[in-house]
Amino acid sequence: MDLFCQQISPGGGFGPVADDGYGVSYMVPDDHKIFFHISSKISSKQSNSDRFVKLLLETMAEIKELFEAVKATKSKESSPRS
């Protein structure tokens, strides 16, 4: 199991509804984690779970940067001015 620690998350998922689609579920257990379960049919040329995960991780990183930028701006606005 140690080999797959990055691929293990609690909960379950579901398969894609359409042959060329994805099955995606998520769980937010606390303020610092989100678990995703992503599946697609390997027989489909249109869907690719690995690509979906890569793009999802890039998007989540962008969202994190946005929240950090907003937090930094609010922190600067609330700090006492010299």
PDB file of N, CA and C in Angstrom:
ATOM      1  N   MET A   1       0.814  -1.204   0.000  1.00  0.00           N
ATOM      2  CA  MET A   1       0.000   0.000   0.000  1.00  0.00           C
ATOM      3  C   MET A   1       0.852   1.260   0.000  1.00  0.00           C
ATOM      4  N   ASP A   2       2.072   1.198   0.532  1.00  0.00           N
ATOM      5  CA  ASP A   2       2.914   2.389   0.560  1.00  0.00           C
ATOM      6  C   ASP A   2       3.179   2.941  -0.835  1.00  0.00           C
ATOM      7  N   LEU A   3       3.214   2.065  -1.829  1.00  0.00           N
ATOM      8  CA  LEU A   3       3.462   2.507  -3.201  1.00  0.00           C
ATOM      9  C   LEU A   3       2.342   3.380  -3.745  1.00  0.00           C
ATOM     10  N   PHE A   4       1.132   3.221  -3.209  1.00  0.00           N
ATOM     11  CA  PHE A   4      -0.030   3.912  -3.744  1.00  0.00           C
ATOM     12  C   PHE A   4      -0.598   4.951  -2.784  1.00  0.00           C
ATOM     13  N   CYS A   5       0.203   5.433  -1.844  1.00  0.00           N
ATOM     14  CA  CYS A   5      -0.326   6.347  -0.826  1.00  0.00           C
ATOM     15  C   CYS A   5      -0.896   7.628  -1.427  1.00  0.00           C
ATOM     16  N   GLN A   6      -0.405   8.073  -2.574  1.00  0.00           N
ATOM     17  CA  GLN A   6      -0.944   9.287  -3.209  1.00  0.00           C
ATOM     18  C   GLN A   6      -2.262   9.021  -3.916  1.00  0.00           C
ATOM     19  N   GLN A   7      -2.605   7.760  -4.157  1.00  0.00           N
ATOM     20  CA  GLN A   7      -3.826   7.429  -4.880  1.00  0.00           C
ATOM     21  C   GLN A   7      -4.947   6.943  -3.970  1.00  0.00           C
ATOM     22  N   ILE A   8      -4.723   6.919  -2.672  1.00  0.00           N
ATOM     23  CA  ILE A   8      -5.715   6.389  -1.744  1.00  0.00           C
ATOM     24  C   ILE A   8      -6.432   7.536  -1.051  1.00  0.00           C
ATOM     25  N   SER A   9      -7.758   7.457  -1.034  1.00  0.00           N
ATOM     26  CA  SER A   9      -8.538   8.441  -0.292  1.00  0.00           C
ATOM     27  C   SER A   9      -9.747   7.741   0.314  1.00  0.00           C
ATOM     28  N   PRO A  10     -10.269   8.276   1.398  1.00  0.00           N
ATOM     29  CA  PRO A  10     -11.449   7.664   1.991  1.00  0.00           C
ATOM     30  C   PRO A  10     -12.669   7.895   1.107  1.00  0.00           C
ATOM     31  N   GLY A  11     -13.655   7.088   1.293  1.00  0.00           N
ATOM     32  CA  GLY A  11     -14.883   7.272   0.533  1.00  0.00           C
ATOM     33  C   GLY A  11     -14.848   6.495  -0.761  1.00  0.00           C
ATOM     34  N   GLY A  12     -15.816   6.713  -1.567  1.00  0.00           N
ATOM     35  CA  GLY A  12     -15.925   5.995  -2.828  1.00  0.00           C
ATOM     36  C   GLY A  12     -16.233   6.937  -3.947  1.00  0.00           C
ATOM     37  N   GLY A  13     -16.450   6.368  -5.080  1.00  0.00           N
ATOM     38  CA  GLY A  13     -16.760   7.192  -6.238  1.00  0.00           C
ATOM     39  C   GLY A  13     -17.800   6.499  -7.085  1.00  0.00           C
ATOM     40  N   PHE A  14     -17.880   6.915  -8.298  1.00  0.00           N
ATOM     41  CA  PHE A  14     -18.810   6.300  -9.227  1.00  0.00           C
ATOM     42  C   PHE A  14     -18.203   6.391 -10.609  1.00  0.00           C
ATOM     43  N   GLY A  15     -18.677   5.552 -11.489  1.00  0.00           N
ATOM     44  CA  GLY A  15     -18.159   5.529 -12.851  1.00  0.00           C
ATOM     45  C   GLY A  15     -18.753   6.614 -13.705  1.00  0.00           C
ATOM     46  N   PRO A  16     -18.178   6.806 -14.883  1.00  0.00           N
ATOM     47  CA  PRO A  16     -18.710   7.805 -15.808  1.00  0.00           C
ATOM     48  C   PRO A  16     -20.117   7.435 -16.274  1.00  0.00           C
ATOM     49  N   VAL A  17     -20.963   8.430 -16.414  1.00  0.00           N
ATOM     50  CA  VAL A  17     -22.335   8.222 -16.874  1.00  0.00           C
ATOM     51  C   VAL A  17     -22.354   7.969 -18.380  1.00  0.00           C
ATOM     52  N   ALA A  18     -21.519   8.704 -19.107  1.00  0.00           N
ATOM     53  CA  ALA A  18     -21.428   8.538 -20.561  1.00  0.00           C
ATOM     54  C   ALA A  18     -20.139   7.784 -20.899  1.00  0.00           C
ATOM     55  N   ASP A  19     -20.142   7.077 -22.000  1.00  0.00           N
ATOM     56  CA  ASP A  19     -18.959   6.306 -22.399  1.00  0.00           C
ATOM     57  C   ASP A  19     -17.731   7.179 -22.607  1.00  0.00           C
ATOM     58  N   ASP A  20     -17.920   8.440 -22.995  1.00  0.00           N
ATOM     59  CA  ASP A  20     -16.786   9.335 -23.221  1.00  0.00           C
ATOM     60  C   ASP A  20     -16.679  10.405 -22.128  1.00  0.00           C
ATOM     61  N   GLY A  21     -17.249  10.130 -20.973  1.00  0.00           N
ATOM     62  CA  GLY A  21     -17.242  11.108 -19.884  1.00  0.00           C
ATOM     63  C   GLY A  21     -16.414  10.649 -18.700  1.00  0.00           C
ATOM     64  N   TYR A  22     -16.640  11.312 -17.581  1.00  0.00           N
ATOM     65  CA  TYR A  22     -15.898  11.047 -16.350  1.00  0.00           C
ATOM     66  C   TYR A  22     -16.868  10.780 -15.210  1.00  0.00           C
ATOM     67  N   GLY A  23     -16.387  10.056 -14.234  1.00  0.00           N
ATOM     68  CA  GLY A  23     -17.064   9.952 -12.957  1.00  0.00           C
ATOM     69  C   GLY A  23     -16.207  10.713 -11.958  1.00  0.00           C
ATOM     70  N   VAL A  24     -16.767  11.707 -11.301  1.00  0.00           N
ATOM     71  CA  VAL A  24     -15.991  12.533 -10.373  1.00  0.00           C
ATOM     72  C   VAL A  24     -16.775  12.697  -9.079  1.00  0.00           C
ATOM     73  N   SER A  25     -16.128  12.388  -7.977  1.00  0.00           N
ATOM     74  CA  SER A  25     -16.711  12.679  -6.674  1.00  0.00           C
ATOM     75  C   SER A  25     -15.627  13.316  -5.818  1.00  0.00           C
ATOM     76  N   TYR A  26     -16.050  14.028  -4.792  1.00  0.00           N
ATOM     77  CA  TYR A  26     -15.080  14.660  -3.904  1.00  0.00           C
ATOM     78  C   TYR A  26     -15.618  14.648  -2.484  1.00  0.00           C
ATOM     79  N   MET A  27     -14.694  14.811  -1.552  1.00  0.00           N
ATOM     80  CA  MET A  27     -15.036  14.884  -0.140  1.00  0.00           C
ATOM     81  C   MET A  27     -14.121  15.922   0.505  1.00  0.00           C
ATOM     82  N   VAL A  28     -14.684  16.768   1.346  1.00  0.00           N
ATOM     83  CA  VAL A  28     -13.924  17.797   2.057  1.00  0.00           C
ATOM     84  C   VAL A  28     -13.975  17.433   3.543  1.00  0.00           C
ATOM     85  N   PRO A  29     -12.961  16.701   4.047  1.00  0.00           N
ATOM     86  CA  PRO A  29     -13.010  16.248   5.438  1.00  0.00           C
ATOM     87  C   PRO A  29     -12.662  17.327   6.461  1.00  0.00           C
ATOM     88  N   ASP A  30     -11.907  18.348   6.039  1.00  0.00           N
ATOM     89  CA  ASP A  30     -11.546  19.430   6.960  1.00  0.00           C
ATOM     90  C   ASP A  30     -11.148  20.660   6.146  1.00  0.00           C
ATOM     91  N   ASP A  31     -10.603  21.656   6.815  1.00  0.00           N
ATOM     92  CA  ASP A  31     -10.261  22.912   6.143  1.00  0.00           C
ATOM     93  C   ASP A  31      -8.994  22.828   5.294  1.00  0.00           C
ATOM     94  N   HIS A  32      -8.304  21.698   5.314  1.00  0.00           N
ATOM     95  CA  HIS A  32      -7.010  21.615   4.632  1.00  0.00           C
ATOM     96  C   HIS A  32      -6.905  20.472   3.635  1.00  0.00           C
ATOM     97  N   LYS A  33      -7.986  19.746   3.410  1.00  0.00           N
ATOM     98  CA  LYS A  33      -7.927  18.598   2.505  1.00  0.00           C
ATOM     99  C   LYS A  33      -9.168  18.524   1.630  1.00  0.00           C
ATOM    100  N   ILE A  34      -8.951  18.035   0.420  1.00  0.00           N
ATOM    101  CA  ILE A  34     -10.039  17.664  -0.477  1.00  0.00           C
ATOM    102  C   ILE A  34      -9.607  16.352  -1.128  1.00  0.00           C
ATOM    103  N   PHE A  35     -10.472  15.356  -1.074  1.00  0.00           N
ATOM    104  CA  PHE A  35     -10.197  14.082  -1.716  1.00  0.00           C
ATOM    105  C   PHE A  35     -11.065  13.977  -2.966  1.00  0.00           C
ATOM    106  N   PHE A  36     -10.458  13.556  -4.069  1.00  0.00           N
ATOM    107  CA  PHE A  36     -11.186  13.359  -5.312  1.00  0.00           C
ATOM    108  C   PHE A  36     -11.109  11.904  -5.734  1.00  0.00           C
ATOM    109  N   HIS A  37     -12.151  11.424  -6.356  1.00  0.00           N
ATOM    110  CA  HIS A  37     -12.155  10.126  -7.020  1.00  0.00           C
ATOM    111  C   HIS A  37     -12.564  10.404  -8.454  1.00  0.00           C
ATOM    112  N   ILE A  38     -11.686  10.064  -9.402  1.00  0.00           N
ATOM    113  CA  ILE A  38     -11.926  10.352 -10.810  1.00  0.00           C
ATOM    114  C   ILE A  38     -11.799   9.060 -11.599  1.00  0.00           C
ATOM    115  N   SER A  39     -12.774   8.795 -12.433  1.00  0.00           N
ATOM    116  CA  SER A  39     -12.708   7.600 -13.273  1.00  0.00           C
ATOM    117  C   SER A  39     -13.184   7.919 -14.676  1.00  0.00           C
ATOM    118  N   SER A  40     -12.698   7.133 -15.621  1.00  0.00           N
ATOM    119  CA  SER A  40     -13.138   7.228 -17.015  1.00  0.00           C
ATOM    120  C   SER A  40     -12.928   5.861 -17.652  1.00  0.00           C
ATOM    121  N   LYS A  41     -13.552   5.666 -18.774  1.00  0.00           N
ATOM    122  CA  LYS A  41     -13.407   4.390 -19.471  1.00  0.00           C
ATOM    123  C   LYS A  41     -12.141   4.416 -20.317  1.00  0.00           C
ATOM    124  N   ILE A  42     -11.289   3.444 -20.093  1.00  0.00           N
ATOM    125  CA  ILE A  42     -10.022   3.385 -20.831  1.00  0.00           C
ATOM    126  C   ILE A  42     -10.262   3.194 -22.332  1.00  0.00           C
ATOM    127  N   SER A  43     -11.419   2.676 -22.687  1.00  0.00           N
ATOM    128  CA  SER A  43     -11.744   2.447 -24.097  1.00  0.00           C
ATOM    129  C   SER A  43     -12.087   3.743 -24.833  1.00  0.00           C
ATOM    130  N   SER A  44     -12.324   4.831 -24.098  1.00  0.00           N
ATOM    131  CA  SER A  44     -12.692   6.100 -24.725  1.00  0.00           C
ATOM    132  C   SER A  44     -11.447   6.876 -25.146  1.00  0.00           C
ATOM    133  N   LYS A  45     -11.469   7.350 -26.372  1.00  0.00           N
ATOM    134  CA  LYS A  45     -10.368   8.193 -26.862  1.00  0.00           C
ATOM    135  C   LYS A  45     -10.530   9.646 -26.387  1.00  0.00           C
ATOM    136  N   GLN A  46     -11.750  10.034 -25.969  1.00  0.00           N
ATOM    137  CA  GLN A  46     -12.021  11.409 -25.565  1.00  0.00           C
ATOM    138  C   GLN A  46     -11.663  11.687 -24.106  1.00  0.00           C
ATOM    139  N   SER A  47     -11.759  10.692 -23.251  1.00  0.00           N
ATOM    140  CA  SER A  47     -11.514  10.933 -21.826  1.00  0.00           C
ATOM    141  C   SER A  47     -10.189  10.315 -21.405  1.00  0.00           C
ATOM    142  N   ASN A  48      -9.583  10.927 -20.403  1.00  0.00           N
ATOM    143  CA  ASN A  48      -8.291  10.466 -19.903  1.00  0.00           C
ATOM    144  C   ASN A  48      -8.192  10.909 -18.441  1.00  0.00           C
ATOM    145  N   SER A  49      -8.315   9.979 -17.526  1.00  0.00           N
ATOM    146  CA  SER A  49      -8.314  10.324 -16.095  1.00  0.00           C
ATOM    147  C   SER A  49      -7.006  10.960 -15.654  1.00  0.00           C
ATOM    148  N   ASP A  50      -5.881  10.492 -16.190  1.00  0.00           N
ATOM    149  CA  ASP A  50      -4.590  11.088 -15.815  1.00  0.00           C
ATOM    150  C   ASP A  50      -4.532  12.564 -16.211  1.00  0.00           C
ATOM    151  N   ARG A  51      -4.998  12.874 -17.416  1.00  0.00           N
ATOM    152  CA  ARG A  51      -5.018  14.276 -17.879  1.00  0.00           C
ATOM    153  C   ARG A  51      -5.966  15.108 -17.014  1.00  0.00           C
ATOM    154  N   PHE A  52      -7.121  14.530 -16.678  1.00  0.00           N
ATOM    155  CA  PHE A  52      -8.098  15.221 -15.841  1.00  0.00           C
ATOM    156  C   PHE A  52      -7.474  15.563 -14.484  1.00  0.00           C
ATOM    157  N   VAL A  53      -6.791  14.590 -13.880  1.00  0.00           N
ATOM    158  CA  VAL A  53      -6.157  14.823 -12.575  1.00  0.00           C
ATOM    159  C   VAL A  53      -5.091  15.909 -12.685  1.00  0.00           C
ATOM    160  N   LYS A  54      -4.269  15.855 -13.728  1.00  0.00           N
ATOM    161  CA  LYS A  54      -3.219  16.869 -13.920  1.00  0.00           C
ATOM    162  C   LYS A  54      -3.836  18.269 -13.998  1.00  0.00           C
ATOM    163  N   LEU A  55      -4.878  18.404 -14.799  1.00  0.00           N
ATOM    164  CA  LEU A  55      -5.529  19.712 -14.945  1.00  0.00           C
ATOM    165  C   LEU A  55      -6.234  20.135 -13.658  1.00  0.00           C
ATOM    166  N   LEU A  56      -6.821  19.180 -12.951  1.00  0.00           N
ATOM    167  CA  LEU A  56      -7.470  19.486 -11.677  1.00  0.00           C
ATOM    168  C   LEU A  56      -6.453  19.994 -10.662  1.00  0.00           C
ATOM    169  N   LEU A  57      -5.301  19.333 -10.577  1.00  0.00           N
ATOM    170  CA  LEU A  57      -4.262  19.780  -9.642  1.00  0.00           C
ATOM    171  C   LEU A  57      -3.734  21.164  -9.997  1.00  0.00           C
ATOM    172  N   GLU A  58      -3.558  21.435 -11.294  1.00  0.00           N
ATOM    173  CA  GLU A  58      -3.129  22.772 -11.720  1.00  0.00           C
ATOM    174  C   GLU A  58      -4.172  23.822 -11.322  1.00  0.00           C
ATOM    175  N   THR A  59      -5.432  23.503 -11.521  1.00  0.00           N
ATOM    176  CA  THR A  59      -6.515  24.422 -11.175  1.00  0.00           C
ATOM    177  C   THR A  59      -6.579  24.665  -9.676  1.00  0.00           C
ATOM    178  N   MET A  60      -6.442  23.603  -8.892  1.00  0.00           N
ATOM    179  CA  MET A  60      -6.466  23.755  -7.429  1.00  0.00           C
ATOM    180  C   MET A  60      -5.285  24.614  -6.960  1.00  0.00           C
ATOM    181  N   ALA A  61      -4.129  24.475  -7.593  1.00  0.00           N
ATOM    182  CA  ALA A  61      -2.966  25.304  -7.243  1.00  0.00           C
ATOM    183  C   ALA A  61      -3.248  26.775  -7.562  1.00  0.00           C
ATOM    184  N   GLU A  62      -3.903  27.041  -8.682  1.00  0.00           N
ATOM    185  CA  GLU A  62      -4.264  28.420  -9.043  1.00  0.00           C
ATOM    186  C   GLU A  62      -5.264  28.998  -8.049  1.00  0.00           C
ATOM    187  N   ILE A  63      -6.227  28.204  -7.634  1.00  0.00           N
ATOM    188  CA  ILE A  63      -7.205  28.663  -6.647  1.00  0.00           C
ATOM    189  C   ILE A  63      -6.515  28.978  -5.326  1.00  0.00           C
ATOM    190  N   LYS A  64      -5.578  28.124  -4.931  1.00  0.00           N
ATOM    191  CA  LYS A  64      -4.826  28.364  -3.697  1.00  0.00           C
ATOM    192  C   LYS A  64      -4.063  29.688  -3.783  1.00  0.00           C
ATOM    193  N   GLU A  65      -3.398  29.924  -4.910  1.00  0.00           N
ATOM    194  CA  GLU A  65      -2.672  31.186  -5.104  1.00  0.00           C
ATOM    195  C   GLU A  65      -3.613  32.382  -5.001  1.00  0.00           C
ATOM    196  N   LEU A  66      -4.798  32.270  -5.566  1.00  0.00           N
ATOM    197  CA  LEU A  66      -5.778  33.347  -5.508  1.00  0.00           C
ATOM    198  C   LEU A  66      -6.172  33.646  -4.067  1.00  0.00           C
ATOM    199  N   PHE A  67      -6.485  32.601  -3.300  1.00  0.00           N
ATOM    200  CA  PHE A  67      -6.853  32.799  -1.895  1.00  0.00           C
ATOM    201  C   PHE A  67      -5.696  33.401  -1.097  1.00  0.00           C
ATOM    202  N   GLU A  68      -4.473  32.943  -1.366  1.00  0.00           N
ATOM    203  CA  GLU A  68      -3.316  33.488  -0.656  1.00  0.00           C
ATOM    204  C   GLU A  68      -3.097  34.958  -1.002  1.00  0.00           C
ATOM    205  N   ALA A  69      -3.315  35.324  -2.265  1.00  0.00           N
ATOM    206  CA  ALA A  69      -3.171  36.726  -2.676  1.00  0.00           C
ATOM    207  C   ALA A  69      -4.222  37.597  -1.991  1.00  0.00           C
ATOM    208  N   VAL A  70      -5.450  37.123  -1.917  1.00  0.00           N
ATOM    209  CA  VAL A  70      -6.515  37.871  -1.237  1.00  0.00           C
ATOM    210  C   VAL A  70      -6.185  38.012   0.243  1.00  0.00           C
ATOM    211  N   LYS A  71      -5.718  36.953   0.855  1.00  0.00           N
ATOM    212  CA  LYS A  71      -5.362  36.984   2.275  1.00  0.00           C
ATOM    213  C   LYS A  71      -4.230  37.976   2.522  1.00  0.00           C
ATOM    214  N   ALA A  72      -3.221  37.985   1.656  1.00  0.00           N
ATOM    215  CA  ALA A  72      -2.102  38.919   1.806  1.00  0.00           C
ATOM    216  C   ALA A  72      -2.567  40.360   1.654  1.00  0.00           C
ATOM    217  N   THR A  73      -3.465  40.607   0.704  1.00  0.00           N
ATOM    218  CA  THR A  73      -3.997  41.951   0.495  1.00  0.00           C
ATOM    219  C   THR A  73      -4.782  42.417   1.715  1.00  0.00           C
ATOM    220  N   LYS A  74      -5.623  41.542   2.253  1.00  0.00           N
ATOM    221  CA  LYS A  74      -6.404  41.902   3.443  1.00  0.00           C
ATOM    222  C   LYS A  74      -5.497  42.136   4.640  1.00  0.00           C
ATOM    223  N   SER A  75      -4.425  41.360   4.743  1.00  0.00           N
ATOM    224  CA  SER A  75      -3.483  41.527   5.849  1.00  0.00           C
ATOM    225  C   SER A  75      -2.795  42.888   5.769  1.00  0.00           C
ATOM    226  N   LYS A  76      -2.413  43.285   4.550  1.00  0.00           N
ATOM    227  CA  LYS A  76      -1.778  44.598   4.363  1.00  0.00           C
ATOM    228  C   LYS A  76      -2.742  45.724   4.675  1.00  0.00           C
ATOM    229  N   GLU A  77      -4.016  45.558   4.288  1.00  0.00           N
ATOM    230  CA  GLU A  77      -5.028  46.596   4.526  1.00  0.00           C
ATOM    231  C   GLU A  77      -5.325  46.755   6.005  1.00  0.00           C
ATOM    232  N   SER A  78      -5.224  45.678   6.772  1.00  0.00           N
ATOM    233  CA  SER A  78      -5.575  45.773   8.192  1.00  0.00           C
ATOM    234  C   SER A  78      -4.392  46.097   9.093  1.00  0.00           C
ATOM    235  N   SER A  79      -3.175  46.076   8.551  1.00  0.00           N
ATOM    236  CA  SER A  79      -2.008  46.385   9.390  1.00  0.00           C
ATOM    237  C   SER A  79      -1.906  47.894   9.605  1.00  0.00           C
ATOM    238  N   PRO A  80      -1.395  48.298  10.777  1.00  0.00           N
ATOM    239  CA  PRO A  80      -1.279  49.739  11.062  1.00  0.00           C
ATOM    240  C   PRO A  80      -0.297  50.403  10.090  1.00  0.00           C
ATOM    241  N   ARG A  81      -0.662  51.597   9.694  1.00  0.00           N
ATOM    242  CA  ARG A  81       0.198  52.349   8.766  1.00  0.00           C
ATOM    243  C   ARG A  81       1.165  53.213   9.549  1.00  0.00           C
ATOM    244  N   SER A  82       2.360  53.369   8.978  1.00  0.00           N
ATOM    245  CA  SER A  82       3.377  54.180   9.658  1.00  0.00           C
ATOM    246  C   SER A  82       3.225  55.636   9.346  1.00  0.00           C
TER     247      SER A  82
END
